[in-house]
Amino acid sequence: MASKSNWIATVAKESAKLEVKMPWTRGARRDAFIAKRAAAAAKPDQALHAAR
């Protein structure tokens, strides 16, 4: 059982060090990408409307 408790202690110690960045904390670069994508989606396709 000593090896199992040592493994559990090691896993607990490593999980305390883990730092996962969540999508909403990634910063200005991601915000700019999302804004650009939203603007492109909101803008109608000019080529499609010109062909009619």
Protein backbone atom coordinates (compact mmCIF):
# COMPACT_ATOMS: atom_id res chain seq x y z
CA MET A 1 0.00 0.00 0.00
CA ALA A 2 2.97 2.31 0.43
CA SER A 3 3.46 2.62 -3.32
CA LYS A 4 -0.23 3.46 -3.83
CA SER A 5 -0.17 6.24 -1.20
CA ASN A 6 3.08 7.56 -2.69
CA TRP A 7 1.44 7.62 -6.12
CA ILE A 8 -1.58 9.47 -4.73
CA ALA A 9 0.69 12.00 -3.02
CA THR A 10 2.63 12.53 -6.25
CA VAL A 11 -0.55 13.03 -8.27
CA ALA A 12 -1.92 15.49 -5.71
CA LYS A 13 1.34 17.45 -5.72
CA GLU A 14 1.47 17.64 -9.53
CA SER A 15 -2.18 18.65 -9.81
CA ALA A 16 -1.55 21.55 -7.44
CA LYS A 17 1.12 22.85 -9.86
CA LEU A 18 -1.10 22.56 -12.92
CA GLU A 19 -2.17 25.88 -14.41
CA VAL A 20 -4.79 25.64 -17.13
CA LYS A 21 -5.71 28.81 -18.95
CA MET A 22 -9.41 29.02 -19.57
CA PRO A 23 -10.64 30.44 -22.90
CA TRP A 24 -11.86 33.67 -21.34
CA THR A 25 -8.44 34.42 -19.80
CA ARG A 26 -6.34 34.20 -22.96
CA GLY A 27 -6.06 37.91 -23.55
CA ALA A 28 -6.30 40.61 -26.14
CA ARG A 29 -5.15 38.50 -29.10
CA ARG A 30 -8.10 36.14 -28.70
CA ASP A 31 -10.52 39.03 -28.20
CA ALA A 32 -9.29 40.62 -31.44
CA PHE A 33 -9.73 37.35 -33.33
CA ILE A 34 -13.27 36.90 -32.02
CA ALA A 35 -14.18 40.50 -32.93
CA LYS A 36 -12.78 40.06 -36.44
CA ARG A 37 -14.70 36.82 -36.94
CA ALA A 38 -17.93 38.39 -35.65
CA ALA A 39 -17.52 41.38 -37.96
CA ALA A 40 -16.98 39.10 -40.96
CA ALA A 41 -20.08 37.08 -40.08
CA ALA A 42 -22.21 40.22 -39.70
CA LYS A 43 -21.09 41.65 -43.05
CA PRO A 44 -23.11 40.38 -46.04
CA ASP A 45 -21.25 38.71 -48.87
CA GLN A 46 -20.83 41.46 -51.49
CA ALA A 47 -20.13 39.10 -54.38
CA LEU A 48 -23.33 37.14 -53.80
CA HIS A 49 -25.50 40.28 -53.79
CA ALA A 50 -23.76 41.80 -56.86
CA ALA A 51 -24.50 38.73 -58.99
CA ARG A 52 -28.27 39.08 -58.60
